[in-house]
Amino acid sequence: MTKDRLLRKLFLGFVRVHILHHCAERPWYGQELIEELQEHGYDFSYGTLYPILHTLEKEGWLKRTEKLVDGRWRKYYEATGAGRYVLQLARRQVHELAEELEEHDN
């Protein structure tokens, strides 16, 4: 596996946690999520984002609702109870990993 593919796989895991984090706060739609992820250094297109959202929805971690906004249907994604639980577990693991990484940097 090339370095780029390995990093991409790693970052896709981070992105999933990021999406769950934001969608646990409130419902988000695709363009908002892309802009938010870009603020964190991720370069995403709809072709990358929506398969992730659909997977998280299929896993039961996100639920989708649709609203008519300015004559167009907009899909909003919000964390489910199961998604919030997974996020809670991920937070613990990320915190533990961050602490270990900081220990080895010192």
PDB file of N, CA and C in Angstrom:
ATOM      1  N   MET A   1       0.848  -1.172   0.000  1.00  0.00           N
ATOM      2  CA  MET A   1       0.000   0.000   0.000  1.00  0.00           C
ATOM      3  C   MET A   1       0.899   1.242   0.000  1.00  0.00           C
ATOM      4  N   THR A   2       0.556   2.199  -0.829  1.00  0.00           N
ATOM      5  CA  THR A   2       1.365   3.413  -0.907  1.00  0.00           C
ATOM      6  C   THR A   2       1.112   4.290   0.315  1.00  0.00           C
ATOM      7  N   LYS A   3       2.045   5.179   0.555  1.00  0.00           N
ATOM      8  CA  LYS A   3       1.937   6.107   1.684  1.00  0.00           C
ATOM      9  C   LYS A   3       0.657   6.940   1.575  1.00  0.00           C
ATOM     10  N   ASP A   4       0.350   7.415   0.359  1.00  0.00           N
ATOM     11  CA  ASP A   4      -0.847   8.234   0.163  1.00  0.00           C
ATOM     12  C   ASP A   4      -2.124   7.462   0.472  1.00  0.00           C
ATOM     13  N   ARG A   5      -2.199   6.200   0.040  1.00  0.00           N
ATOM     14  CA  ARG A   5      -3.389   5.385   0.307  1.00  0.00           C
ATOM     15  C   ARG A   5      -3.522   5.105   1.794  1.00  0.00           C
ATOM     16  N   LEU A   6      -2.410   4.846   2.437  1.00  0.00           N
ATOM     17  CA  LEU A   6      -2.428   4.580   3.880  1.00  0.00           C
ATOM     18  C   LEU A   6      -2.912   5.801   4.644  1.00  0.00           C
ATOM     19  N   LEU A   7      -2.392   6.974   4.308  1.00  0.00           N
ATOM     20  CA  LEU A   7      -2.824   8.212   4.971  1.00  0.00           C
ATOM     21  C   LEU A   7      -4.297   8.492   4.702  1.00  0.00           C
ATOM     22  N   ARG A   8      -4.729   8.244   3.480  1.00  0.00           N
ATOM     23  CA  ARG A   8      -6.134   8.476   3.128  1.00  0.00           C
ATOM     24  C   ARG A   8      -7.054   7.585   3.978  1.00  0.00           C
ATOM     25  N   LYS A   9      -6.694   6.319   4.122  1.00  0.00           N
ATOM     26  CA  LYS A   9      -7.498   5.414   4.944  1.00  0.00           C
ATOM     27  C   LYS A   9      -7.534   5.884   6.397  1.00  0.00           C
ATOM     28  N   LEU A  10      -6.394   6.313   6.903  1.00  0.00           N
ATOM     29  CA  LEU A  10      -6.313   6.807   8.275  1.00  0.00           C
ATOM     30  C   LEU A  10      -7.188   8.048   8.442  1.00  0.00           C
ATOM     31  N   PHE A  11      -7.069   8.997   7.518  1.00  0.00           N
ATOM     32  CA  PHE A  11      -7.833  10.230   7.621  1.00  0.00           C
ATOM     33  C   PHE A  11      -9.330   9.999   7.452  1.00  0.00           C
ATOM     34  N   LEU A  12      -9.731   9.004   6.677  1.00  0.00           N
ATOM     35  CA  LEU A  12     -11.157   8.716   6.537  1.00  0.00           C
ATOM     36  C   LEU A  12     -11.756   8.291   7.875  1.00  0.00           C
ATOM     37  N   GLY A  13     -10.975   7.615   8.697  1.00  0.00           N
ATOM     38  CA  GLY A  13     -11.434   7.283  10.047  1.00  0.00           C
ATOM     39  C   GLY A  13     -11.623   8.530  10.892  1.00  0.00           C
ATOM     40  N   PHE A  14     -10.671   9.450  10.798  1.00  0.00           N
ATOM     41  CA  PHE A  14     -10.792  10.724  11.521  1.00  0.00           C
ATOM     42  C   PHE A  14     -12.022  11.488  11.049  1.00  0.00           C
ATOM     43  N   VAL A  15     -12.261  11.481   9.745  1.00  0.00           N
ATOM     44  CA  VAL A  15     -13.397  12.209   9.174  1.00  0.00           C
ATOM     45  C   VAL A  15     -14.706  11.656   9.723  1.00  0.00           C
ATOM     46  N   ARG A  16     -14.817  10.355   9.820  1.00  0.00           N
ATOM     47  CA  ARG A  16     -16.042   9.750  10.361  1.00  0.00           C
ATOM     48  C   ARG A  16     -16.302  10.239  11.793  1.00  0.00           C
ATOM     49  N   VAL A  17     -15.256  10.288  12.597  1.00  0.00           N
ATOM     50  CA  VAL A  17     -15.406  10.776  13.973  1.00  0.00           C
ATOM     51  C   VAL A  17     -15.792  12.258  13.964  1.00  0.00           C
ATOM     52  N   HIS A  18     -15.158  13.017  13.087  1.00  0.00           N
ATOM     53  CA  HIS A  18     -15.476  14.444  12.965  1.00  0.00           C
ATOM     54  C   HIS A  18     -16.950  14.635  12.601  1.00  0.00           C
ATOM     55  N   ILE A  19     -17.422  13.872  11.630  1.00  0.00           N
ATOM     56  CA  ILE A  19     -18.816  13.983  11.197  1.00  0.00           C
ATOM     57  C   ILE A  19     -19.749  13.627  12.350  1.00  0.00           C
ATOM     58  N   LEU A  20     -19.473  12.537  13.037  1.00  0.00           N
ATOM     59  CA  LEU A  20     -20.313  12.161  14.180  1.00  0.00           C
ATOM     60  C   LEU A  20     -20.320  13.255  15.239  1.00  0.00           C
ATOM     61  N   HIS A  21     -19.156  13.828  15.497  1.00  0.00           N
ATOM     62  CA  HIS A  21     -19.049  14.908  16.485  1.00  0.00           C
ATOM     63  C   HIS A  21     -19.984  16.065  16.132  1.00  0.00           C
ATOM     64  N   HIS A  22     -19.895  16.532  14.908  1.00  0.00           N
ATOM     65  CA  HIS A  22     -20.718  17.681  14.516  1.00  0.00           C
ATOM     66  C   HIS A  22     -22.201  17.321  14.452  1.00  0.00           C
ATOM     67  N   CYS A  23     -22.510  16.145  13.938  1.00  0.00           N
ATOM     68  CA  CYS A  23     -23.910  15.740  13.806  1.00  0.00           C
ATOM     69  C   CYS A  23     -24.541  15.379  15.143  1.00  0.00           C
ATOM     70  N   ALA A  24     -23.744  15.231  16.176  1.00  0.00           N
ATOM     71  CA  ALA A  24     -24.285  15.040  17.527  1.00  0.00           C
ATOM     72  C   ALA A  24     -24.695  16.384  18.123  1.00  0.00           C
ATOM     73  N   GLU A  25     -24.129  17.467  17.600  1.00  0.00           N
ATOM     74  CA  GLU A  25     -24.462  18.805  18.102  1.00  0.00           C
ATOM     75  C   GLU A  25     -25.785  19.307  17.538  1.00  0.00           C
ATOM     76  N   ARG A  26     -25.995  19.043  16.223  1.00  0.00           N
ATOM     77  CA  ARG A  26     -27.205  19.501  15.530  1.00  0.00           C
ATOM     78  C   ARG A  26     -27.219  18.852  14.147  1.00  0.00           C
ATOM     79  N   PRO A  27     -28.343  18.918  13.442  1.00  0.00           N
ATOM     80  CA  PRO A  27     -28.372  18.398  12.068  1.00  0.00           C
ATOM     81  C   PRO A  27     -27.518  19.272  11.133  1.00  0.00           C
ATOM     82  N   TRP A  28     -26.787  18.612  10.247  1.00  0.00           N
ATOM     83  CA  TRP A  28     -25.936  19.292   9.275  1.00  0.00           C
ATOM     84  C   TRP A  28     -26.290  18.788   7.884  1.00  0.00           C
ATOM     85  N   TYR A  29     -26.141  19.660   6.876  1.00  0.00           N
ATOM     86  CA  TYR A  29     -26.305  19.205   5.495  1.00  0.00           C
ATOM     87  C   TYR A  29     -24.942  19.174   4.814  1.00  0.00           C
ATOM     88  N   GLY A  30     -24.880  18.518   3.662  1.00  0.00           N
ATOM     89  CA  GLY A  30     -23.621  18.222   2.993  1.00  0.00           C
ATOM     90  C   GLY A  30     -22.667  19.384   2.812  1.00  0.00           C
ATOM     91  N   GLN A  31     -23.145  20.484   2.245  1.00  0.00           N
ATOM     92  CA  GLN A  31     -22.267  21.620   1.979  1.00  0.00           C
ATOM     93  C   GLN A  31     -21.674  22.167   3.272  1.00  0.00           C
ATOM     94  N   GLU A  32     -22.479  22.219   4.325  1.00  0.00           N
ATOM     95  CA  GLU A  32     -21.972  22.671   5.629  1.00  0.00           C
ATOM     96  C   GLU A  32     -20.852  21.768   6.115  1.00  0.00           C
ATOM     97  N   LEU A  33     -21.055  20.467   5.988  1.00  0.00           N
ATOM     98  CA  LEU A  33     -20.036  19.519   6.442  1.00  0.00           C
ATOM     99  C   LEU A  33     -18.751  19.651   5.632  1.00  0.00           C
ATOM    100  N   ILE A  34     -18.878  19.812   4.321  1.00  0.00           N
ATOM    101  CA  ILE A  34     -17.685  19.986   3.488  1.00  0.00           C
ATOM    102  C   ILE A  34     -16.918  21.220   3.932  1.00  0.00           C
ATOM    103  N   GLU A  35     -17.623  22.328   4.140  1.00  0.00           N
ATOM    104  CA  GLU A  35     -16.952  23.566   4.569  1.00  0.00           C
ATOM    105  C   GLU A  35     -16.294  23.389   5.937  1.00  0.00           C
ATOM    106  N   GLU A  36     -16.986  22.711   6.849  1.00  0.00           N
ATOM    107  CA  GLU A  36     -16.425  22.478   8.189  1.00  0.00           C
ATOM    108  C   GLU A  36     -15.179  21.604   8.103  1.00  0.00           C
ATOM    109  N   LEU A  37     -15.244  20.552   7.329  1.00  0.00           N
ATOM    110  CA  LEU A  37     -14.090  19.657   7.186  1.00  0.00           C
ATOM    111  C   LEU A  37     -12.919  20.386   6.526  1.00  0.00           C
ATOM    112  N   GLN A  38     -13.207  21.270   5.576  1.00  0.00           N
ATOM    113  CA  GLN A  38     -12.138  22.054   4.946  1.00  0.00           C
ATOM    114  C   GLN A  38     -11.450  22.950   5.956  1.00  0.00           C
ATOM    115  N   GLU A  39     -12.206  23.480   6.921  1.00  0.00           N
ATOM    116  CA  GLU A  39     -11.600  24.308   7.966  1.00  0.00           C
ATOM    117  C   GLU A  39     -10.609  23.511   8.810  1.00  0.00           C
ATOM    118  N   HIS A  40     -10.779  22.195   8.830  1.00  0.00           N
ATOM    119  CA  HIS A  40      -9.884  21.319   9.587  1.00  0.00           C
ATOM    120  C   HIS A  40      -8.824  20.674   8.701  1.00  0.00           C
ATOM    121  N   GLY A  41      -8.710  21.164   7.474  1.00  0.00           N
ATOM    122  CA  GLY A  41      -7.640  20.698   6.598  1.00  0.00           C
ATOM    123  C   GLY A  41      -7.975  19.540   5.686  1.00  0.00           C
ATOM    124  N   TYR A  42      -9.223  19.089   5.700  1.00  0.00           N
ATOM    125  CA  TYR A  42      -9.622  17.995   4.806  1.00  0.00           C
ATOM    126  C   TYR A  42     -10.133  18.579   3.498  1.00  0.00           C
ATOM    127  N   ASP A  43      -9.753  17.953   2.400  1.00  0.00           N
ATOM    128  CA  ASP A  43     -10.196  18.395   1.074  1.00  0.00           C
ATOM    129  C   ASP A  43     -11.193  17.373   0.556  1.00  0.00           C
ATOM    130  N   PHE A  44     -12.494  17.699   0.633  1.00  0.00           N
ATOM    131  CA  PHE A  44     -13.531  16.754   0.292  1.00  0.00           C
ATOM    132  C   PHE A  44     -14.443  17.250  -0.801  1.00  0.00           C
ATOM    133  N   SER A  45     -14.922  16.308  -1.576  1.00  0.00           N
ATOM    134  CA  SER A  45     -15.936  16.592  -2.584  1.00  0.00           C
ATOM    135  C   SER A  45     -17.203  15.858  -2.161  1.00  0.00           C
ATOM    136  N   TYR A  46     -18.299  16.152  -2.846  1.00  0.00           N
ATOM    137  CA  TYR A  46     -19.543  15.442  -2.569  1.00  0.00           C
ATOM    138  C   TYR A  46     -19.381  13.951  -2.854  1.00  0.00           C
ATOM    139  N   GLY A  47     -18.582  13.625  -3.859  1.00  0.00           N
ATOM    140  CA  GLY A  47     -18.365  12.232  -4.229  1.00  0.00           C
ATOM    141  C   GLY A  47     -17.646  11.431  -3.159  1.00  0.00           C
ATOM    142  N   THR A  48     -16.952  12.107  -2.272  1.00  0.00           N
ATOM    143  CA  THR A  48     -16.302  11.444  -1.140  1.00  0.00           C
ATOM    144  C   THR A  48     -17.193  11.500   0.094  1.00  0.00           C
ATOM    145  N   LEU A  49     -17.819  12.651   0.327  1.00  0.00           N
ATOM    146  CA  LEU A  49     -18.610  12.841   1.540  1.00  0.00           C
ATOM    147  C   LEU A  49     -19.855  11.975   1.587  1.00  0.00           C
ATOM    148  N   TYR A  50     -20.643  11.980   0.509  1.00  0.00           N
ATOM    149  CA  TYR A  50     -21.933  11.298   0.577  1.00  0.00           C
ATOM    150  C   TYR A  50     -21.828   9.792   0.774  1.00  0.00           C
ATOM    151  N   PRO A  51     -20.866   9.100   0.184  1.00  0.00           N
ATOM    152  CA  PRO A  51     -20.736   7.676   0.527  1.00  0.00           C
ATOM    153  C   PRO A  51     -20.440   7.457   2.018  1.00  0.00           C
ATOM    154  N   ILE A  52     -19.667   8.357   2.625  1.00  0.00           N
ATOM    155  CA  ILE A  52     -19.394   8.251   4.067  1.00  0.00           C
ATOM    156  C   ILE A  52     -20.689   8.467   4.848  1.00  0.00           C
ATOM    157  N   LEU A  53     -21.454   9.493   4.491  1.00  0.00           N
ATOM    158  CA  LEU A  53     -22.719   9.761   5.173  1.00  0.00           C
ATOM    159  C   LEU A  53     -23.674   8.586   5.020  1.00  0.00           C
ATOM    160  N   HIS A  54     -23.758   8.023   3.816  1.00  0.00           N
ATOM    161  CA  HIS A  54     -24.654   6.886   3.583  1.00  0.00           C
ATOM    162  C   HIS A  54     -24.224   5.669   4.393  1.00  0.00           C
ATOM    163  N   THR A  55     -22.914   5.449   4.513  1.00  0.00           N
ATOM    164  CA  THR A  55     -22.416   4.334   5.315  1.00  0.00           C
ATOM    165  C   THR A  55     -22.754   4.532   6.786  1.00  0.00           C
ATOM    166  N   LEU A  56     -22.533   5.742   7.297  1.00  0.00           N
ATOM    167  CA  LEU A  56     -22.857   6.027   8.696  1.00  0.00           C
ATOM    168  C   LEU A  56     -24.358   5.892   8.948  1.00  0.00           C
ATOM    169  N   GLU A  57     -25.146   6.252   7.957  1.00  0.00           N
ATOM    170  CA  GLU A  57     -26.597   6.100   8.073  1.00  0.00           C
ATOM    171  C   GLU A  57     -26.974   4.607   8.054  1.00  0.00           C
ATOM    172  N   LYS A  58     -26.378   3.858   7.157  1.00  0.00           N
ATOM    173  CA  LYS A  58     -26.656   2.420   7.060  1.00  0.00           C
ATOM    174  C   LYS A  58     -26.263   1.691   8.344  1.00  0.00           C
ATOM    175  N   GLU A  59     -25.177   2.140   8.985  1.00  0.00           N
ATOM    176  CA  GLU A  59     -24.722   1.546  10.239  1.00  0.00           C
ATOM    177  C   GLU A  59     -25.615   1.940  11.417  1.00  0.00           C
ATOM    178  N   GLY A  60     -26.515   2.891  11.182  1.00  0.00           N
ATOM    179  CA  GLY A  60     -27.425   3.327  12.236  1.00  0.00           C
ATOM    180  C   GLY A  60     -26.869   4.426  13.110  1.00  0.00           C
ATOM    181  N   TRP A  61     -25.785   5.038  12.689  1.00  0.00           N
ATOM    182  CA  TRP A  61     -25.138   6.075  13.494  1.00  0.00           C
ATOM    183  C   TRP A  61     -25.617   7.479  13.138  1.00  0.00           C
ATOM    184  N   LEU A  62     -26.171   7.646  11.951  1.00  0.00           N
ATOM    185  CA  LEU A  62     -26.769   8.912  11.528  1.00  0.00           C
ATOM    186  C   LEU A  62     -28.181   8.640  11.035  1.00  0.00           C
ATOM    187  N   LYS A  63     -29.038   9.643  11.188  1.00  0.00           N
ATOM    188  CA  LYS A  63     -30.349   9.581  10.555  1.00  0.00           C
ATOM    189  C   LYS A  63     -30.465  10.792   9.633  1.00  0.00           C
ATOM    190  N   ARG A  64     -31.189  10.595   8.552  1.00  0.00           N
ATOM    191  CA  ARG A  64     -31.330  11.656   7.549  1.00  0.00           C
ATOM    192  C   ARG A  64     -32.771  12.144   7.542  1.00  0.00           C
ATOM    193  N   THR A  65     -32.907  13.471   7.485  1.00  0.00           N
ATOM    194  CA  THR A  65     -34.209  14.088   7.265  1.00  0.00           C
ATOM    195  C   THR A  65     -34.062  15.037   6.088  1.00  0.00           C
ATOM    196  N   GLU A  66     -35.156  15.292   5.416  1.00  0.00           N
ATOM    197  CA  GLU A  66     -35.122  16.197   4.276  1.00  0.00           C
ATOM    198  C   GLU A  66     -36.050  17.374   4.527  1.00  0.00           C
ATOM    199  N   LYS A  67     -35.566  18.555   4.159  1.00  0.00           N
ATOM    200  CA  LYS A  67     -36.351  19.776   4.305  1.00  0.00           C
ATOM    201  C   LYS A  67     -36.320  20.533   2.991  1.00  0.00           C
ATOM    202  N   LEU A  68     -37.439  21.162   2.677  1.00  0.00           N
ATOM    203  CA  LEU A  68     -37.518  21.998   1.492  1.00  0.00           C
ATOM    204  C   LEU A  68     -36.975  23.382   1.843  1.00  0.00           C
ATOM    205  N   VAL A  69     -35.870  23.776   1.193  1.00  0.00           N
ATOM    206  CA  VAL A  69     -35.225  25.060   1.451  1.00  0.00           C
ATOM    207  C   VAL A  69     -35.063  25.777   0.112  1.00  0.00           C
ATOM    208  N   ASP A  70     -35.680  26.937  -0.017  1.00  0.00           N
ATOM    209  CA  ASP A  70     -35.606  27.726  -1.248  1.00  0.00           C
ATOM    210  C   ASP A  70     -35.962  26.895  -2.478  1.00  0.00           C
ATOM    211  N   GLY A  71     -36.989  26.085  -2.358  1.00  0.00           N
ATOM    212  CA  GLY A  71     -37.476  25.306  -3.490  1.00  0.00           C
ATOM    213  C   GLY A  71     -36.690  24.040  -3.789  1.00  0.00           C
ATOM    214  N   ARG A  72     -35.691  23.729  -2.967  1.00  0.00           N
ATOM    215  CA  ARG A  72     -34.882  22.519  -3.178  1.00  0.00           C
ATOM    216  C   ARG A  72     -34.900  21.673  -1.915  1.00  0.00           C
ATOM    217  N   TRP A  73     -34.872  20.354  -2.107  1.00  0.00           N
ATOM    218  CA  TRP A  73     -34.808  19.451  -0.960  1.00  0.00           C
ATOM    219  C   TRP A  73     -33.375  19.351  -0.473  1.00  0.00           C
ATOM    220  N   ARG A  74     -33.198  19.590   0.812  1.00  0.00           N
ATOM    221  CA  ARG A  74     -31.878  19.524   1.429  1.00  0.00           C
ATOM    222  C   ARG A  74     -31.875  18.368   2.437  1.00  0.00           C
ATOM    223  N   LYS A  75     -30.826  17.538   2.373  1.00  0.00           N
ATOM    224  CA  LYS A  75     -30.705  16.392   3.274  1.00  0.00           C
ATOM    225  C   LYS A  75     -29.868  16.788   4.488  1.00  0.00           C
ATOM    226  N   TYR A  76     -30.460  16.608   5.655  1.00  0.00           N
ATOM    227  CA  TYR A  76     -29.775  16.893   6.911  1.00  0.00           C
ATOM    228  C   TYR A  76     -29.446  15.576   7.604  1.00  0.00           C
ATOM    229  N   TYR A  77     -28.283  15.541   8.246  1.00  0.00           N
ATOM    230  CA  TYR A  77     -27.825  14.354   8.953  1.00  0.00           C
ATOM    231  C   TYR A  77     -27.618  14.694  10.413  1.00  0.00           C
ATOM    232  N   GLU A  78     -28.121  13.798  11.281  1.00  0.00           N
ATOM    233  CA  GLU A  78     -28.013  13.991  12.726  1.00  0.00           C
ATOM    234  C   GLU A  78     -27.640  12.660  13.368  1.00  0.00           C
ATOM    235  N   ALA A  79     -26.826  12.714  14.407  1.00  0.00           N
ATOM    236  CA  ALA A  79     -26.410  11.493  15.089  1.00  0.00           C
ATOM    237  C   ALA A  79     -27.596  10.849  15.797  1.00  0.00           C
ATOM    238  N   THR A  80     -27.658   9.535  15.723  1.00  0.00           N
ATOM    239  CA  THR A  80     -28.659   8.763  16.450  1.00  0.00           C
ATOM    240  C   THR A  80     -28.108   8.464  17.850  1.00  0.00           C
ATOM    241  N   GLY A  81     -28.906   7.794  18.662  1.00  0.00           N
ATOM    242  CA  GLY A  81     -28.418   7.357  19.975  1.00  0.00           C
ATOM    243  C   GLY A  81     -27.210   6.452  19.828  1.00  0.00           C
ATOM    244  N   ALA A  82     -27.275   5.534  18.860  1.00  0.00           N
ATOM    245  CA  ALA A  82     -26.142   4.632  18.619  1.00  0.00           C
ATOM    246  C   ALA A  82     -24.918   5.417  18.147  1.00  0.00           C
ATOM    247  N   GLY A  83     -25.136   6.441  17.321  1.00  0.00           N
ATOM    248  CA  GLY A  83     -24.031   7.273  16.843  1.00  0.00           C
ATOM    249  C   GLY A  83     -23.385   8.051  17.978  1.00  0.00           C
ATOM    250  N   ARG A  84     -24.198   8.525  18.896  1.00  0.00           N
ATOM    251  CA  ARG A  84     -23.673   9.257  20.057  1.00  0.00           C
ATOM    252  C   ARG A  84     -22.854   8.326  20.961  1.00  0.00           C
ATOM    253  N   TYR A  85     -23.331   7.095  21.078  1.00  0.00           N
ATOM    254  CA  TYR A  85     -22.603   6.113  21.880  1.00  0.00           C
ATOM    255  C   TYR A  85     -21.242   5.808  21.243  1.00  0.00           C
ATOM    256  N   VAL A  86     -21.234   5.584  19.935  1.00  0.00           N
ATOM    257  CA  VAL A  86     -19.979   5.321  19.227  1.00  0.00           C
ATOM    258  C   VAL A  86     -19.045   6.517  19.354  1.00  0.00           C
ATOM    259  N   LEU A  87     -19.599   7.715  19.259  1.00  0.00           N
ATOM    260  CA  LEU A  87     -18.795   8.926  19.413  1.00  0.00           C
ATOM    261  C   LEU A  87     -18.172   8.982  20.804  1.00  0.00           C
ATOM    262  N   GLN A  88     -18.937   8.634  21.809  1.00  0.00           N
ATOM    263  CA  GLN A  88     -18.412   8.619  23.180  1.00  0.00           C
ATOM    264  C   GLN A  88     -17.235   7.644  23.291  1.00  0.00           C
ATOM    265  N   LEU A  89     -17.362   6.460  22.707  1.00  0.00           N
ATOM    266  CA  LEU A  89     -16.265   5.497  22.714  1.00  0.00           C
ATOM    267  C   LEU A  89     -15.064   6.031  21.942  1.00  0.00           C
ATOM    268  N   ALA A  90     -15.327   6.640  20.793  1.00  0.00           N
ATOM    269  CA  ALA A  90     -14.241   7.192  19.969  1.00  0.00           C
ATOM    270  C   ALA A  90     -13.507   8.301  20.715  1.00  0.00           C
ATOM    271  N   ARG A  91     -14.243   9.142  21.425  1.00  0.00           N
ATOM    272  CA  ARG A  91     -13.606  10.228  22.192  1.00  0.00           C
ATOM    273  C   ARG A  91     -12.612   9.662  23.207  1.00  0.00           C
ATOM    274  N   ARG A  92     -13.025   8.609  23.896  1.00  0.00           N
ATOM    275  CA  ARG A  92     -12.118   7.998  24.873  1.00  0.00           C
ATOM    276  C   ARG A  92     -10.859   7.475  24.198  1.00  0.00           C
ATOM    277  N   GLN A  93     -11.034   6.787  23.085  1.00  0.00           N
ATOM    278  CA  GLN A  93      -9.894   6.209  22.371  1.00  0.00           C
ATOM    279  C   GLN A  93      -8.981   7.302  21.818  1.00  0.00           C
ATOM    280  N   VAL A  94      -9.573   8.353  21.259  1.00  0.00           N
ATOM    281  CA  VAL A  94      -8.779   9.459  20.710  1.00  0.00           C
ATOM    282  C   VAL A  94      -8.010  10.148  21.831  1.00  0.00           C
ATOM    283  N   HIS A  95      -8.673  10.346  22.960  1.00  0.00           N
ATOM    284  CA  HIS A  95      -8.011  10.981  24.114  1.00  0.00           C
ATOM    285  C   HIS A  95      -6.827  10.136  24.580  1.00  0.00           C
ATOM    286  N   GLU A  96      -7.041   8.836  24.704  1.00  0.00           N
ATOM    287  CA  GLU A  96      -5.979   7.932  25.141  1.00  0.00           C
ATOM    288  C   GLU A  96      -4.817   7.939  24.144  1.00  0.00           C
ATOM    289  N   LEU A  97      -5.143   7.896  22.859  1.00  0.00           N
ATOM    290  CA  LEU A  97      -4.105   7.924  21.821  1.00  0.00           C
ATOM    291  C   LEU A  97      -3.326   9.238  21.873  1.00  0.00           C
ATOM    292  N   ALA A  98      -4.037  10.356  22.012  1.00  0.00           N
ATOM    293  CA  ALA A  98      -3.377  11.668  22.066  1.00  0.00           C
ATOM    294  C   ALA A  98      -2.411  11.730  23.248  1.00  0.00           C
ATOM    295  N   GLU A  99      -2.824  11.196  24.384  1.00  0.00           N
ATOM    296  CA  GLU A  99      -1.948  11.199  25.554  1.00  0.00           C
ATOM    297  C   GLU A  99      -0.688  10.367  25.283  1.00  0.00           C
ATOM    298  N   GLU A 100      -0.844   9.203  24.683  1.00  0.00           N
ATOM    299  CA  GLU A 100       0.323   8.377  24.362  1.00  0.00           C
ATOM    300  C   GLU A 100       1.255   9.054  23.370  1.00  0.00           C
ATOM    301  N   LEU A 101       0.676   9.682  22.370  1.00  0.00           N
ATOM    302  CA  LEU A 101       1.491  10.364  21.365  1.00  0.00           C
ATOM    303  C   LEU A 101       2.260  11.518  21.994  1.00  0.00           C
ATOM    304  N   GLU A 102       1.618  12.245  22.897  1.00  0.00           N
ATOM    305  CA  GLU A 102       2.298  13.354  23.587  1.00  0.00           C
ATOM    306  C   GLU A 102       3.419  12.848  24.473  1.00  0.00           C
ATOM    307  N   GLU A 103       3.206  11.698  25.137  1.00  0.00           N
ATOM    308  CA  GLU A 103       4.256  11.115  25.976  1.00  0.00           C
ATOM    309  C   GLU A 103       5.496  10.791  25.157  1.00  0.00           C
ATOM    310  N   HIS A 104       5.303  10.287  23.966  1.00  0.00           N
ATOM    311  CA  HIS A 104       6.436   9.898  23.124  1.00  0.00           C
ATOM    312  C   HIS A 104       7.091  11.088  22.444  1.00  0.00           C
ATOM    313  N   ASP A 105       6.399  12.222  22.376  1.00  0.00           N
ATOM    314  CA  ASP A 105       6.999  13.431  21.810  1.00  0.00           C
ATOM    315  C   ASP A 105       7.941  14.106  22.796  1.00  0.00           C
ATOM    316  N   ASN A 106       7.710  13.881  24.067  1.00  0.00           N
ATOM    317  CA  ASN A 106       8.523  14.566  25.097  1.00  0.00           C
ATOM    318  C   ASN A 106       9.813  13.885  25.333  1.00  0.00           C
TER     319      ASN A 106
END
